Amino acid sequence: MVCADRWYPSSKRCSACGEINAKLTLSDRLFVCACGFRTDRDLNAAVNLALWAATHQQDFLRSPDLPAGGRVINARRREGADRHPGVGETIADDAGTPSHPVRV
């Protein structure tokens, strides 16, 4: 998911020509542009946000805050954490059985 800045004019920008209609108010439900384009205000905003996301998603994919990829390793693992059961096989933890021997 990518997020546009909260002040991005998605409702006021014409999705056909890019012109910004500064006179558009919250009570206006129809977007009308000087270029002649007319559409529902929310639909216009949705198209603008989709176009914005398509042109900016690469910026987010290169963000240094995202993990570099590769295997994620937990700092502390339980015994047997790497063991994966085969098809139809149940491991002790799944069955509610202690994973260590119990004296009877």
Protein backbone atom coordinates (compact mmCIF):
# COMPACT_ATOMS: atom_id res chain seq x y z
CA MET A 1 0.00 0.00 0.00
CA VAL A 2 1.21 3.48 -0.81
CA CYS A 3 -0.17 6.59 0.85
CA ALA A 4 -0.51 9.99 -0.76
CA ASP A 5 0.13 13.08 1.32
CA ARG A 6 -3.04 14.15 3.13
CA TRP A 7 -3.02 17.45 1.19
CA TYR A 8 -2.75 15.83 -2.25
CA PRO A 9 -5.64 17.40 -4.23
CA SER A 10 -7.18 14.11 -5.37
CA SER A 11 -10.72 15.53 -5.46
CA LYS A 12 -9.80 18.89 -6.97
CA ARG A 13 -7.42 17.65 -9.71
CA CYS A 14 -9.03 16.81 -13.05
CA SER A 15 -8.26 13.17 -13.83
CA ALA A 16 -8.57 13.99 -17.56
CA CYS A 17 -6.26 17.03 -17.93
CA GLY A 18 -4.59 17.51 -14.52
CA GLU A 19 -5.94 21.03 -13.94
CA ILE A 20 -6.86 21.83 -10.31
CA ASN A 21 -10.35 23.19 -9.59
CA ALA A 22 -9.63 25.30 -6.49
CA LYS A 23 -13.30 26.36 -6.27
CA LEU A 24 -14.55 22.81 -5.59
CA THR A 25 -16.08 22.54 -2.10
CA LEU A 26 -17.00 19.53 0.03
CA SER A 27 -20.67 20.04 -0.80
CA ASP A 28 -19.97 19.74 -4.56
CA ARG A 29 -20.68 16.11 -5.47
CA LEU A 30 -20.01 16.59 -9.20
CA PHE A 31 -16.53 17.45 -10.45
CA VAL A 32 -16.65 19.84 -13.41
CA CYS A 33 -13.47 20.99 -15.15
CA ALA A 34 -12.88 23.87 -17.58
CA CYS A 35 -11.70 21.25 -20.12
CA GLY A 36 -15.28 19.94 -20.25
CA PHE A 37 -14.69 16.78 -18.21
CA ARG A 38 -17.49 15.95 -15.73
CA THR A 39 -17.69 13.07 -13.27
CA ASP A 40 -18.60 12.12 -9.72
CA ARG A 41 -16.27 13.85 -7.25
CA ASP A 42 -15.34 10.60 -5.44
CA LEU A 43 -14.75 8.70 -8.69
CA ASN A 44 -12.47 11.52 -9.87
CA ALA A 45 -10.53 11.33 -6.59
CA ALA A 46 -10.23 7.52 -6.86
CA VAL A 47 -8.83 7.75 -10.40
CA ASN A 48 -6.36 10.44 -9.33
CA LEU A 49 -5.18 8.37 -6.36
CA ALA A 50 -4.78 5.27 -8.53
CA LEU A 51 -2.71 7.27 -11.03
CA TRP A 52 -0.65 8.76 -8.22
CA ALA A 53 0.03 5.33 -6.70
CA ALA A 54 1.03 3.88 -10.08
CA THR A 55 3.62 6.63 -10.60
CA HIS A 56 4.97 6.63 -7.02
CA GLN A 57 5.06 2.96 -5.99
CA GLN A 58 8.68 2.58 -7.13
CA ASP A 59 9.66 5.28 -4.61
CA PHE A 60 8.24 3.14 -1.82
CA LEU A 61 9.79 -0.08 -3.09
CA ARG A 62 13.23 1.55 -2.82
CA SER A 63 12.56 2.98 0.63
CA PRO A 64 15.43 2.33 3.07
CA ASP A 65 12.88 1.64 5.81
CA LEU A 66 11.77 -1.58 4.13
CA PRO A 67 13.58 -4.88 4.79
CA ALA A 68 16.30 -5.71 2.28
CA GLY A 69 14.83 -9.15 1.66
CA GLY A 70 16.21 -12.57 2.35
CA ARG A 71 15.41 -14.99 5.13
CA VAL A 72 14.03 -13.54 8.34
CA ILE A 73 15.67 -15.12 11.37
CA ASN A 74 14.18 -14.84 14.83
CA ALA A 75 16.65 -13.98 17.57
CA ARG A 76 15.34 -16.79 19.76
CA ARG A 77 13.76 -20.01 18.57
CA ARG A 78 11.98 -22.78 20.36
CA GLU A 79 13.46 -26.23 20.13
CA GLY A 80 12.28 -27.85 16.92
CA ALA A 81 11.18 -24.54 15.37
CA ASP A 82 12.78 -25.49 12.06
CA ARG A 83 10.95 -28.81 11.83
CA HIS A 84 8.06 -28.83 9.38
CA PRO A 85 5.62 -31.75 9.41
CA GLY A 86 4.97 -33.75 6.28
CA VAL A 87 1.53 -34.16 4.73
CA GLY A 88 -0.79 -35.80 7.27
CA GLU A 89 1.86 -35.67 10.00
CA THR A 90 1.32 -33.90 13.32
CA ILE A 91 4.16 -32.59 15.44
CA ALA A 92 3.99 -32.78 19.24
CA ASP A 93 3.16 -29.09 19.76
CA ASP A 94 0.19 -29.32 17.37
CA ALA A 95 -1.22 -32.28 19.27
CA GLY A 96 -0.87 -30.54 22.65
CA THR A 97 1.79 -33.05 23.70
CA PRO A 98 4.88 -31.79 25.54
CA SER A 99 7.90 -31.86 23.24
CA HIS A 100 10.18 -33.25 25.97
CA PRO A 101 10.09 -36.76 27.50
CA VAL A 102 7.81 -37.20 30.50
CA ARG A 103 8.45 -39.80 33.23
CA VAL A 104 5.45 -41.96 34.02
